Amino acid sequence: MRPGRAEQTLGLLALLLAAGAGAGLCADEPSAEETLAKLGLKQAGIMLVLDAESEVHAKPNEIRRLSRELSNTRMQQRGTLSEKDYQATLKELSAEITQFRSELNTANQRIAQIPR
């Protein structure tokens, strides 16, 4: 008599489980984490990432933090200026804003010239 489909499936599953049980790490083999560490890699979700990449990703955050600190320090310094220095700073900032607006207008004109 020929075995049914369910019996064949159970037999195949048992065979695969037995084969998979013997395919594990041997006692002298390093773990996957150790092997990745030797290669300078680490697991980040489903991706492998170089250790050096984490430094590259940390730098922009550090730059943003330092930029905020610099901006806050400049604002504090501007708050302690005399009236004459304050007016000069306002003129400087107004000139910078005008320059930025001019650059923005030029960029917008160039973008408008690009054929679609």
PDB file of N, CA and C in Angstrom:
ATOM      1  N   MET A   1       0.833  -1.155   0.000  1.00  0.00           N
ATOM      2  CA  MET A   1       0.000   0.000   0.000  1.00  0.00           C
ATOM      3  C   MET A   1       0.900   1.249   0.000  1.00  0.00           C
ATOM      4  N   ARG A   2       0.522   2.217  -0.740  1.00  0.00           N
ATOM      5  CA  ARG A   2       1.290   3.445  -0.901  1.00  0.00           C
ATOM      6  C   ARG A   2       0.934   4.450   0.188  1.00  0.00           C
ATOM      7  N   PRO A   3       1.958   5.159   0.815  1.00  0.00           N
ATOM      8  CA  PRO A   3       1.635   6.120   1.879  1.00  0.00           C
ATOM      9  C   PRO A   3       0.889   7.331   1.334  1.00  0.00           C
ATOM     10  N   GLY A   4       0.027   7.908   2.175  1.00  0.00           N
ATOM     11  CA  GLY A   4      -0.745   9.074   1.783  1.00  0.00           C
ATOM     12  C   GLY A   4       0.109  10.347   1.771  1.00  0.00           C
ATOM     13  N   ARG A   5      -0.466  11.385   1.264  1.00  0.00           N
ATOM     14  CA  ARG A   5       0.246  12.660   1.123  1.00  0.00           C
ATOM     15  C   ARG A   5       0.665  13.223   2.488  1.00  0.00           C
ATOM     16  N   ALA A   6      -0.204  13.097   3.485  1.00  0.00           N
ATOM     17  CA  ALA A   6       0.119  13.596   4.826  1.00  0.00           C
ATOM     18  C   ALA A   6       1.292  12.832   5.412  1.00  0.00           C
ATOM     19  N   GLU A   7       1.334  11.534   5.203  1.00  0.00           N
ATOM     20  CA  GLU A   7       2.448  10.724   5.722  1.00  0.00           C
ATOM     21  C   GLU A   7       3.747  11.076   5.011  1.00  0.00           C
ATOM     22  N   GLN A   8       3.669  11.334   3.702  1.00  0.00           N
ATOM     23  CA  GLN A   8       4.864  11.730   2.955  1.00  0.00           C
ATOM     24  C   GLN A   8       5.392  13.072   3.471  1.00  0.00           C
ATOM     25  N   THR A   9       4.476  14.010   3.703  1.00  0.00           N
ATOM     26  CA  THR A   9       4.859  15.341   4.188  1.00  0.00           C
ATOM     27  C   THR A   9       5.505  15.238   5.561  1.00  0.00           C
ATOM     28  N   LEU A  10       4.929  14.431   6.460  1.00  0.00           N
ATOM     29  CA  LEU A  10       5.500  14.260   7.798  1.00  0.00           C
ATOM     30  C   LEU A  10       6.879  13.606   7.720  1.00  0.00           C
ATOM     31  N   GLY A  11       7.026  12.624   6.826  1.00  0.00           N
ATOM     32  CA  GLY A  11       8.312  11.962   6.664  1.00  0.00           C
ATOM     33  C   GLY A  11       9.370  12.918   6.150  1.00  0.00           C
ATOM     34  N   LEU A  12       9.010  13.754   5.172  1.00  0.00           N
ATOM     35  CA  LEU A  12       9.938  14.747   4.627  1.00  0.00           C
ATOM     36  C   LEU A  12      10.322  15.770   5.688  1.00  0.00           C
ATOM     37  N   LEU A  13       9.352  16.197   6.474  1.00  0.00           N
ATOM     38  CA  LEU A  13       9.612  17.153   7.550  1.00  0.00           C
ATOM     39  C   LEU A  13      10.561  16.564   8.589  1.00  0.00           C
ATOM     40  N   ALA A  14      10.357  15.302   8.955  1.00  0.00           N
ATOM     41  CA  ALA A  14      11.236  14.640   9.918  1.00  0.00           C
ATOM     42  C   ALA A  14      12.649  14.523   9.364  1.00  0.00           C
ATOM     43  N   LEU A  15      12.772  14.218   8.079  1.00  0.00           N
ATOM     44  CA  LEU A  15      14.080  14.111   7.436  1.00  0.00           C
ATOM     45  C   LEU A  15      14.799  15.453   7.446  1.00  0.00           C
ATOM     46  N   LEU A  16      14.074  16.530   7.113  1.00  0.00           N
ATOM     47  CA  LEU A  16      14.669  17.869   7.107  1.00  0.00           C
ATOM     48  C   LEU A  16      15.100  18.299   8.505  1.00  0.00           C
ATOM     49  N   LEU A  17      14.292  17.990   9.512  1.00  0.00           N
ATOM     50  CA  LEU A  17      14.649  18.329  10.886  1.00  0.00           C
ATOM     51  C   LEU A  17      15.902  17.581  11.329  1.00  0.00           C
ATOM     52  N   ALA A  18      16.001  16.327  10.960  1.00  0.00           N
ATOM     53  CA  ALA A  18      17.176  15.533  11.327  1.00  0.00           C
ATOM     54  C   ALA A  18      18.415  16.071  10.626  1.00  0.00           C
ATOM     55  N   ALA A  19      18.276  16.463   9.365  1.00  0.00           N
ATOM     56  CA  ALA A  19      19.414  17.002   8.617  1.00  0.00           C
ATOM     57  C   ALA A  19      19.815  18.359   9.181  1.00  0.00           C
ATOM     58  N   GLY A  20      18.833  19.172   9.541  1.00  0.00           N
ATOM     59  CA  GLY A  20      19.120  20.502  10.087  1.00  0.00           C
ATOM     60  C   GLY A  20      19.764  20.438  11.449  1.00  0.00           C
ATOM     61  N   ALA A  21      19.444  19.423  12.226  1.00  0.00           N
ATOM     62  CA  ALA A  21      20.018  19.292  13.564  1.00  0.00           C
ATOM     63  C   ALA A  21      21.503  19.003  13.484  1.00  0.00           C
ATOM     64  N   GLY A  22      21.935  18.288  12.467  1.00  0.00           N
ATOM     65  CA  GLY A  22      23.354  17.974  12.319  1.00  0.00           C
ATOM     66  C   GLY A  22      24.136  19.091  11.666  1.00  0.00           C
ATOM     67  N   ALA A  23      23.471  20.105  11.134  1.00  0.00           N
ATOM     68  CA  ALA A  23      24.156  21.173  10.413  1.00  0.00           C
ATOM     69  C   ALA A  23      24.516  22.347  11.305  1.00  0.00           C
ATOM     70  N   GLY A  24      24.387  22.252  12.595  1.00  0.00           N
ATOM     71  CA  GLY A  24      24.692  23.352  13.511  1.00  0.00           C
ATOM     72  C   GLY A  24      26.181  23.608  13.613  1.00  0.00           C
ATOM     73  N   LEU A  25      26.557  24.571  14.439  1.00  0.00           N
ATOM     74  CA  LEU A  25      27.955  24.905  14.640  1.00  0.00           C
ATOM     75  C   LEU A  25      28.670  23.810  15.412  1.00  0.00           C
ATOM     76  N   CYS A  26      29.888  23.585  15.022  1.00  0.00           N
ATOM     77  CA  CYS A  26      30.734  22.687  15.803  1.00  0.00           C
ATOM     78  C   CYS A  26      31.289  23.477  16.979  1.00  0.00           C
ATOM     79  N   ALA A  27      31.818  22.783  17.951  1.00  0.00           N
ATOM     80  CA  ALA A  27      32.318  23.445  19.155  1.00  0.00           C
ATOM     81  C   ALA A  27      33.478  24.376  18.851  1.00  0.00           C
ATOM     82  N   ASP A  28      34.290  24.069  17.846  1.00  0.00           N
ATOM     83  CA  ASP A  28      35.467  24.889  17.568  1.00  0.00           C
ATOM     84  C   ASP A  28      35.195  25.998  16.549  1.00  0.00           C
ATOM     85  N   GLU A  29      33.988  26.070  15.976  1.00  0.00           N
ATOM     86  CA  GLU A  29      33.664  27.115  15.016  1.00  0.00           C
ATOM     87  C   GLU A  29      33.254  28.388  15.761  1.00  0.00           C
ATOM     88  N   PRO A  30      33.736  29.565  15.276  1.00  0.00           N
ATOM     89  CA  PRO A  30      33.323  30.820  15.911  1.00  0.00           C
ATOM     90  C   PRO A  30      31.865  31.141  15.562  1.00  0.00           C
ATOM     91  N   SER A  31      31.235  31.913  16.407  1.00  0.00           N
ATOM     92  CA  SER A  31      29.845  32.288  16.152  1.00  0.00           C
ATOM     93  C   SER A  31      29.802  33.291  14.994  1.00  0.00           C
ATOM     94  N   ALA A  32      28.605  33.525  14.502  1.00  0.00           N
ATOM     95  CA  ALA A  32      28.436  34.459  13.391  1.00  0.00           C
ATOM     96  C   ALA A  32      28.881  35.865  13.788  1.00  0.00           C
ATOM     97  N   GLU A  33      28.584  36.278  15.031  1.00  0.00           N
ATOM     98  CA  GLU A  33      28.975  37.614  15.494  1.00  0.00           C
ATOM     99  C   GLU A  33      30.495  37.758  15.517  1.00  0.00           C
ATOM    100  N   GLU A  34      31.177  36.705  15.953  1.00  0.00           N
ATOM    101  CA  GLU A  34      32.644  36.753  15.996  1.00  0.00           C
ATOM    102  C   GLU A  34      33.221  36.828  14.592  1.00  0.00           C
ATOM    103  N   THR A  35      32.648  36.083  13.677  1.00  0.00           N
ATOM    104  CA  THR A  35      33.120  36.103  12.295  1.00  0.00           C
ATOM    105  C   THR A  35      32.889  37.468  11.674  1.00  0.00           C
ATOM    106  N   LEU A  36      31.723  38.060  11.914  1.00  0.00           N
ATOM    107  CA  LEU A  36      31.432  39.393  11.392  1.00  0.00           C
ATOM    108  C   LEU A  36      32.375  40.427  11.991  1.00  0.00           C
ATOM    109  N   ALA A  37      32.650  40.301  13.295  1.00  0.00           N
ATOM    110  CA  ALA A  37      33.550  41.248  13.959  1.00  0.00           C
ATOM    111  C   ALA A  37      34.951  41.173  13.356  1.00  0.00           C
ATOM    112  N   LYS A  38      35.407  39.974  13.024  1.00  0.00           N
ATOM    113  CA  LYS A  38      36.722  39.823  12.397  1.00  0.00           C
ATOM    114  C   LYS A  38      36.775  40.527  11.047  1.00  0.00           C
ATOM    115  N   LEU A  39      35.652  40.543  10.357  1.00  0.00           N
ATOM    116  CA  LEU A  39      35.584  41.187   9.045  1.00  0.00           C
ATOM    117  C   LEU A  39      35.260  42.673   9.141  1.00  0.00           C
ATOM    118  N   GLY A  40      35.061  43.177  10.353  1.00  0.00           N
ATOM    119  CA  GLY A  40      34.737  44.588  10.539  1.00  0.00           C
ATOM    120  C   GLY A  40      33.297  44.903  10.220  1.00  0.00           C
ATOM    121  N   LEU A  41      32.418  43.931  10.374  1.00  0.00           N
ATOM    122  CA  LEU A  41      30.998  44.113  10.087  1.00  0.00           C
ATOM    123  C   LEU A  41      30.172  43.914  11.342  1.00  0.00           C
ATOM    124  N   LYS A  42      28.979  44.512  11.339  1.00  0.00           N
ATOM    125  CA  LYS A  42      28.028  44.240  12.412  1.00  0.00           C
ATOM    126  C   LYS A  42      26.632  44.233  11.821  1.00  0.00           C
ATOM    127  N   GLN A  43      25.723  43.546  12.479  1.00  0.00           N
ATOM    128  CA  GLN A  43      24.353  43.397  12.010  1.00  0.00           C
ATOM    129  C   GLN A  43      23.554  44.626  12.423  1.00  0.00           C
ATOM    130  N   ALA A  44      22.888  45.250  11.432  1.00  0.00           N
ATOM    131  CA  ALA A  44      22.002  46.376  11.696  1.00  0.00           C
ATOM    132  C   ALA A  44      20.670  46.057  11.031  1.00  0.00           C
ATOM    133  N   GLY A  45      19.804  45.414  11.764  1.00  0.00           N
ATOM    134  CA  GLY A  45      18.534  44.965  11.193  1.00  0.00           C
ATOM    135  C   GLY A  45      18.795  43.807  10.253  1.00  0.00           C
ATOM    136  N   ILE A  46      18.396  43.963   9.004  1.00  0.00           N
ATOM    137  CA  ILE A  46      18.621  42.899   8.033  1.00  0.00           C
ATOM    138  C   ILE A  46      19.875  43.151   7.203  1.00  0.00           C
ATOM    139  N   MET A  47      20.596  44.230   7.513  1.00  0.00           N
ATOM    140  CA  MET A  47      21.775  44.592   6.728  1.00  0.00           C
ATOM    141  C   MET A  47      23.046  44.396   7.539  1.00  0.00           C
ATOM    142  N   LEU A  48      24.152  44.223   6.836  1.00  0.00           N
ATOM    143  CA  LEU A  48      25.463  44.202   7.462  1.00  0.00           C
ATOM    144  C   LEU A  48      26.105  45.554   7.214  1.00  0.00           C
ATOM    145  N   VAL A  49      26.687  46.147   8.258  1.00  0.00           N
ATOM    146  CA  VAL A  49      27.240  47.492   8.173  1.00  0.00           C
ATOM    147  C   VAL A  49      28.687  47.451   8.638  1.00  0.00           C
ATOM    148  N   LEU A  50      29.534  48.201   7.952  1.00  0.00           N
ATOM    149  CA  LEU A  50      30.919  48.311   8.392  1.00  0.00           C
ATOM    150  C   LEU A  50      30.979  49.083   9.707  1.00  0.00           C
ATOM    151  N   ASP A  51      31.904  48.700  10.580  1.00  0.00           N
ATOM    152  CA  ASP A  51      32.060  49.414  11.849  1.00  0.00           C
ATOM    153  C   ASP A  51      32.382  50.888  11.605  1.00  0.00           C
ATOM    154  N   ALA A  52      33.178  51.165  10.582  1.00  0.00           N
ATOM    155  CA  ALA A  52      33.563  52.548  10.296  1.00  0.00           C
ATOM    156  C   ALA A  52      32.372  53.399   9.871  1.00  0.00           C
ATOM    157  N   GLU A  53      31.323  52.772   9.327  1.00  0.00           N
ATOM    158  CA  GLU A  53      30.148  53.523   8.901  1.00  0.00           C
ATOM    159  C   GLU A  53      29.431  54.167  10.075  1.00  0.00           C
ATOM    160  N   SER A  54      29.441  53.538  11.225  1.00  0.00           N
ATOM    161  CA  SER A  54      28.747  54.114  12.373  1.00  0.00           C
ATOM    162  C   SER A  54      29.385  55.445  12.758  1.00  0.00           C
ATOM    163  N   GLU A  55      30.704  55.566  12.594  1.00  0.00           N
ATOM    164  CA  GLU A  55      31.369  56.838  12.863  1.00  0.00           C
ATOM    165  C   GLU A  55      30.914  57.898  11.872  1.00  0.00           C
ATOM    166  N   VAL A  56      30.777  57.501  10.601  1.00  0.00           N
ATOM    167  CA  VAL A  56      30.345  58.439   9.565  1.00  0.00           C
ATOM    168  C   VAL A  56      28.933  58.929   9.846  1.00  0.00           C
ATOM    169  N   HIS A  57      28.060  58.039  10.326  1.00  0.00           N
ATOM    170  CA  HIS A  57      26.685  58.432  10.632  1.00  0.00           C
ATOM    171  C   HIS A  57      26.617  59.296  11.891  1.00  0.00           C
ATOM    172  N   ALA A  58      27.571  59.145  12.789  1.00  0.00           N
ATOM    173  CA  ALA A  58      27.556  59.927  14.022  1.00  0.00           C
ATOM    174  C   ALA A  58      28.044  61.351  13.784  1.00  0.00           C
ATOM    175  N   LYS A  59      28.914  61.558  12.801  1.00  0.00           N
ATOM    176  CA  LYS A  59      29.481  62.890  12.560  1.00  0.00           C
ATOM    177  C   LYS A  59      28.437  63.951  12.234  1.00  0.00           C
ATOM    178  N   PRO A  60      27.470  63.703  11.325  1.00  0.00           N
ATOM    179  CA  PRO A  60      26.470  64.749  11.062  1.00  0.00           C
ATOM    180  C   PRO A  60      25.687  65.149  12.308  1.00  0.00           C
ATOM    181  N   ASN A  61      25.384  64.192  13.163  1.00  0.00           N
ATOM    182  CA  ASN A  61      24.670  64.523  14.409  1.00  0.00           C
ATOM    183  C   ASN A  61      25.528  65.423  15.285  1.00  0.00           C
ATOM    184  N   GLU A  62      26.816  65.114  15.351  1.00  0.00           N
ATOM    185  CA  GLU A  62      27.725  65.938  16.146  1.00  0.00           C
ATOM    186  C   GLU A  62      27.840  67.338  15.546  1.00  0.00           C
ATOM    187  N   ILE A  63      27.894  67.411  14.214  1.00  0.00           N
ATOM    188  CA  ILE A  63      27.990  68.709  13.544  1.00  0.00           C
ATOM    189  C   ILE A  63      26.736  69.540  13.811  1.00  0.00           C
ATOM    190  N   ARG A  64      25.559  68.902  13.736  1.00  0.00           N
ATOM    191  CA  ARG A  64      24.313  69.635  14.021  1.00  0.00           C
ATOM    192  C   ARG A  64      24.302  70.164  15.451  1.00  0.00           C
ATOM    193  N   ARG A  65      24.750  69.335  16.391  1.00  0.00           N
ATOM    194  CA  ARG A  65      24.776  69.752  17.794  1.00  0.00           C
ATOM    195  C   ARG A  65      25.723  70.942  17.983  1.00  0.00           C
ATOM    196  N   LEU A  66      26.914  70.845  17.397  1.00  0.00           N
ATOM    197  CA  LEU A  66      27.887  71.932  17.531  1.00  0.00           C
ATOM    198  C   LEU A  66      27.399  73.197  16.833  1.00  0.00           C
ATOM    199  N   SER A  67      26.715  73.028  15.700  1.00  0.00           N
ATOM    200  CA  SER A  67      26.172  74.185  14.990  1.00  0.00           C
ATOM    201  C   SER A  67      25.115  74.893  15.830  1.00  0.00           C
ATOM    202  N   ARG A  68      24.257  74.113  16.497  1.00  0.00           N
ATOM    203  CA  ARG A  68      23.248  74.720  17.385  1.00  0.00           C
ATOM    204  C   ARG A  68      23.916  75.471  18.528  1.00  0.00           C
ATOM    205  N   GLU A  69      24.958  74.850  19.096  1.00  0.00           N
ATOM    206  CA  GLU A  69      25.672  75.514  20.193  1.00  0.00           C
ATOM    207  C   GLU A  69      26.306  76.818  19.722  1.00  0.00           C
ATOM    208  N   LEU A  70      26.910  76.797  18.532  1.00  0.00           N
ATOM    209  CA  LEU A  70      27.523  78.004  17.984  1.00  0.00           C
ATOM    210  C   LEU A  70      26.474  79.075  17.734  1.00  0.00           C
ATOM    211  N   SER A  71      25.348  78.678  17.176  1.00  0.00           N
ATOM    212  CA  SER A  71      24.267  79.625  16.908  1.00  0.00           C
ATOM    213  C   SER A  71      23.758  80.248  18.208  1.00  0.00           C
ATOM    214  N   ASN A  72      23.573  79.412  19.233  1.00  0.00           N
ATOM    215  CA  ASN A  72      23.107  79.936  20.523  1.00  0.00           C
ATOM    216  C   ASN A  72      24.129  80.889  21.125  1.00  0.00           C
ATOM    217  N   THR A  73      25.407  80.558  21.010  1.00  0.00           N
ATOM    218  CA  THR A  73      26.453  81.422  21.543  1.00  0.00           C
ATOM    219  C   THR A  73      26.479  82.753  20.817  1.00  0.00           C
ATOM    220  N   ARG A  74      26.330  82.707  19.490  1.00  0.00           N
ATOM    221  CA  ARG A  74      26.303  83.968  18.724  1.00  0.00           C
ATOM    222  C   ARG A  74      25.116  84.839  19.127  1.00  0.00           C
ATOM    223  N   MET A  75      23.974  84.185  19.321  1.00  0.00           N
ATOM    224  CA  MET A  75      22.791  84.958  19.728  1.00  0.00           C
ATOM    225  C   MET A  75      22.995  85.592  21.100  1.00  0.00           C
ATOM    226  N   GLN A  76      23.643  84.865  22.001  1.00  0.00           N
ATOM    227  CA  GLN A  76      23.927  85.433  23.319  1.00  0.00           C
ATOM    228  C   GLN A  76      24.885  86.615  23.203  1.00  0.00           C
ATOM    229  N   GLN A  77      25.892  86.482  22.334  1.00  0.00           N
ATOM    230  CA  GLN A  77      26.844  87.574  22.148  1.00  0.00           C
ATOM    231  C   GLN A  77      26.156  88.794  21.564  1.00  0.00           C
ATOM    232  N   ARG A  78      25.267  88.571  20.599  1.00  0.00           N
ATOM    233  CA  ARG A  78      24.552  89.684  19.982  1.00  0.00           C
ATOM    234  C   ARG A  78      23.648  90.386  20.995  1.00  0.00           C
ATOM    235  N   GLY A  79      23.165  89.640  21.966  1.00  0.00           N
ATOM    236  CA  GLY A  79      22.308  90.228  22.988  1.00  0.00           C
ATOM    237  C   GLY A  79      23.051  91.153  23.930  1.00  0.00           C
ATOM    238  N   THR A  80      24.365  91.044  23.974  1.00  0.00           N
ATOM    239  CA  THR A  80      25.154  91.892  24.870  1.00  0.00           C
ATOM    240  C   THR A  80      25.822  93.053  24.138  1.00  0.00           C
ATOM    241  N   LEU A  81      25.423  93.303  22.881  1.00  0.00           N
ATOM    242  CA  LEU A  81      26.048  94.376  22.097  1.00  0.00           C
ATOM    243  C   LEU A  81      25.478  95.736  22.489  1.00  0.00           C
ATOM    244  N   SER A  82      26.263  96.768  22.185  1.00  0.00           N
ATOM    245  CA  SER A  82      25.775  98.131  22.384  1.00  0.00           C
ATOM    246  C   SER A  82      24.770  98.457  21.276  1.00  0.00           C
ATOM    247  N   GLU A  83      24.095  99.594  21.399  1.00  0.00           N
ATOM    248  CA  GLU A  83      23.088  99.986  20.405  1.00  0.00           C
ATOM    249  C   GLU A  83      23.712 100.145  19.017  1.00  0.00           C
ATOM    250  N   LYS A  84      24.899 100.714  18.961  1.00  0.00           N
ATOM    251  CA  LYS A  84      25.577 100.926  17.682  1.00  0.00           C
ATOM    252  C   LYS A  84      25.958  99.573  17.051  1.00  0.00           C
ATOM    253  N   ASP A  85      26.513  98.690  17.872  1.00  0.00           N
ATOM    254  CA  ASP A  85      26.879  97.359  17.382  1.00  0.00           C
ATOM    255  C   ASP A  85      25.639  96.571  16.962  1.00  0.00           C
ATOM    256  N   TYR A  86      24.561  96.746  17.691  1.00  0.00           N
ATOM    257  CA  TYR A  86      23.312  96.059  17.382  1.00  0.00           C
ATOM    258  C   TYR A  86      22.795  96.505  16.011  1.00  0.00           C
ATOM    259  N   GLN A  87      22.844  97.826  15.745  1.00  0.00           N
ATOM    260  CA  GLN A  87      22.402  98.344  14.442  1.00  0.00           C
ATOM    261  C   GLN A  87      23.289  97.820  13.315  1.00  0.00           C
ATOM    262  N   ALA A  88      24.589  97.734  13.572  1.00  0.00           N
ATOM    263  CA  ALA A  88      25.512  97.214  12.560  1.00  0.00           C
ATOM    264  C   ALA A  88      25.223  95.734  12.287  1.00  0.00           C
ATOM    265  N   THR A  89      24.922  95.004  13.325  1.00  0.00           N
ATOM    266  CA  THR A  89      24.592  93.586  13.164  1.00  0.00           C
ATOM    267  C   THR A  89      23.306  93.428  12.358  1.00  0.00           C
ATOM    268  N   LEU A  90      22.313  94.275  12.626  1.00  0.00           N
ATOM    269  CA  LEU A  90      21.069  94.231  11.862  1.00  0.00           C
ATOM    270  C   LEU A  90      21.322  94.503  10.381  1.00  0.00           C
ATOM    271  N   LYS A  91      22.186  95.486  10.090  1.00  0.00           N
ATOM    272  CA  LYS A  91      22.518  95.791   8.697  1.00  0.00           C
ATOM    273  C   LYS A  91      23.209  94.593   8.047  1.00  0.00           C
ATOM    274  N   GLU A  92      24.122  93.967   8.785  1.00  0.00           N
ATOM    275  CA  GLU A  92      24.818  92.774   8.279  1.00  0.00           C
ATOM    276  C   GLU A  92      23.830  91.667   7.952  1.00  0.00           C
ATOM    277  N   LEU A  93      22.928  91.400   8.907  1.00  0.00           N
ATOM    278  CA  LEU A  93      21.949  90.346   8.707  1.00  0.00           C
ATOM    279  C   LEU A  93      21.006  90.670   7.544  1.00  0.00           C
ATOM    280  N   SER A  94      20.624  91.924   7.413  1.00  0.00           N
ATOM    281  CA  SER A  94      19.759  92.338   6.298  1.00  0.00           C
ATOM    282  C   SER A  94      20.479  92.139   4.974  1.00  0.00           C
ATOM    283  N   ALA A  95      21.756  92.466   4.926  1.00  0.00           N
ATOM    284  CA  ALA A  95      22.540  92.268   3.700  1.00  0.00           C
ATOM    285  C   ALA A  95      22.643  90.780   3.371  1.00  0.00           C
ATOM    286  N   GLU A  96      22.842  89.949   4.379  1.00  0.00           N
ATOM    287  CA  GLU A  96      22.916  88.500   4.152  1.00  0.00           C
ATOM    288  C   GLU A  96      21.584  87.973   3.623  1.00  0.00           C
ATOM    289  N   ILE A  97      20.484  88.441   4.195  1.00  0.00           N
ATOM    290  CA  ILE A  97      19.159  88.003   3.752  1.00  0.00           C
ATOM    291  C   ILE A  97      18.937  88.411   2.303  1.00  0.00           C
ATOM    292  N   THR A  98      19.322  89.623   1.957  1.00  0.00           N
ATOM    293  CA  THR A  98      19.184  90.098   0.581  1.00  0.00           C
ATOM    294  C   THR A  98      20.007  89.227  -0.362  1.00  0.00           C
ATOM    295  N   GLN A  99      21.226  88.910   0.052  1.00  0.00           N
ATOM    296  CA  GLN A  99      22.093  88.056  -0.760  1.00  0.00           C
ATOM    297  C   GLN A  99      21.467  86.674  -0.946  1.00  0.00           C
ATOM    298  N   PHE A 100      20.946  86.094   0.115  1.00  0.00           N
ATOM    299  CA  PHE A 100      20.315  84.770   0.029  1.00  0.00           C
ATOM    300  C   PHE A 100      19.082  84.803  -0.874  1.00  0.00           C
ATOM    301  N   ARG A 101      18.297  85.857  -0.767  1.00  0.00           N
ATOM    302  CA  ARG A 101      17.113  85.971  -1.622  1.00  0.00           C
ATOM    303  C   ARG A 101      17.514  86.076  -3.091  1.00  0.00           C
ATOM    304  N   SER A 102      18.570  86.817  -3.364  1.00  0.00           N
ATOM    305  CA  SER A 102      19.065  86.942  -4.730  1.00  0.00           C
ATOM    306  C   SER A 102      19.517  85.589  -5.272  1.00  0.00           C
ATOM    307  N   GLU A 103      20.259  84.847  -4.458  1.00  0.00           N
ATOM    308  CA  GLU A 103      20.709  83.519  -4.872  1.00  0.00           C
ATOM    309  C   GLU A 103      19.520  82.586  -5.090  1.00  0.00           C
ATOM    310  N   LEU A 104      18.525  82.681  -4.234  1.00  0.00           N
ATOM    311  CA  LEU A 104      17.332  81.857  -4.368  1.00  0.00           C
ATOM    312  C   LEU A 104      16.582  82.185  -5.652  1.00  0.00           C
ATOM    313  N   ASN A 105      16.438  83.481  -5.957  1.00  0.00           N
ATOM    314  CA  ASN A 105      15.764  83.891  -7.189  1.00  0.00           C
ATOM    315  C   ASN A 105      16.516  83.387  -8.412  1.00  0.00           C
ATOM    316  N   THR A 106      17.844  83.485  -8.394  1.00  0.00           N
ATOM    317  CA  THR A 106      18.658  82.996  -9.507  1.00  0.00           C
ATOM    318  C   THR A 106      18.470  81.491  -9.686  1.00  0.00           C
ATOM    319  N   ALA A 107      18.487  80.760  -8.592  1.00  0.00           N
ATOM    320  CA  ALA A 107      18.295  79.304  -8.665  1.00  0.00           C
ATOM    321  C   ALA A 107      16.904  78.971  -9.195  1.00  0.00           C
ATOM    322  N   ASN A 108      15.885  79.696  -8.750  1.00  0.00           N
ATOM    323  CA  ASN A 108      14.525  79.458  -9.228  1.00  0.00           C
ATOM    324  C   ASN A 108      14.402  79.748 -10.720  1.00  0.00           C
ATOM    325  N   GLN A 109      15.075  80.788 -11.193  1.00  0.00           N
ATOM    326  CA  GLN A 109      15.053  81.107 -12.623  1.00  0.00           C
ATOM    327  C   GLN A 109      15.716  79.996 -13.430  1.00  0.00           C
ATOM    328  N   ARG A 110      16.820  79.469 -12.928  1.00  0.00           N
ATOM    329  CA  ARG A 110      17.509  78.373 -13.627  1.00  0.00           C
ATOM    330  C   ARG A 110      16.642  77.112 -13.643  1.00  0.00           C
ATOM    331  N   ILE A 111      15.968  76.855 -12.535  1.00  0.00           N
ATOM    332  CA  ILE A 111      15.093  75.684 -12.481  1.00  0.00           C
ATOM    333  C   ILE A 111      13.951  75.832 -13.475  1.00  0.00           C
ATOM    334  N   ALA A 112      13.415  77.058 -13.597  1.00  0.00           N
ATOM    335  CA  ALA A 112      12.299  77.302 -14.516  1.00  0.00           C
ATOM    336  C   ALA A 112      12.726  77.125 -15.968  1.00  0.00           C
ATOM    337  N   GLN A 113      14.013  77.298 -16.263  1.00  0.00           N
ATOM    338  CA  GLN A 113      14.515  77.152 -17.626  1.00  0.00           C
ATOM    339  C   GLN A 113      14.703  75.697 -18.033  1.00  0.00           C
ATOM    340  N   ILE A 114      14.735  74.797 -17.078  1.00  0.00           N
ATOM    341  CA  ILE A 114      14.944  73.382 -17.380  1.00  0.00           C
ATOM    342  C   ILE A 114      13.691  72.849 -18.059  1.00  0.00           C
ATOM    343  N   PRO A 115      13.860  72.240 -19.261  1.00  0.00           N
ATOM    344  CA  PRO A 115      12.662  71.696 -19.943  1.00  0.00           C
ATOM    345  C   PRO A 115      12.097  70.512 -19.176  1.00  0.00           C
ATOM    346  N   ARG A 116      10.794  70.414 -19.225  1.00  0.00           N
ATOM    347  CA  ARG A 116      10.126  69.318 -18.500  1.00  0.00           C
ATOM    348  C   ARG A 116       9.801  68.188 -19.406  1.00  0.00           C
TER     349      ARG A 116
END
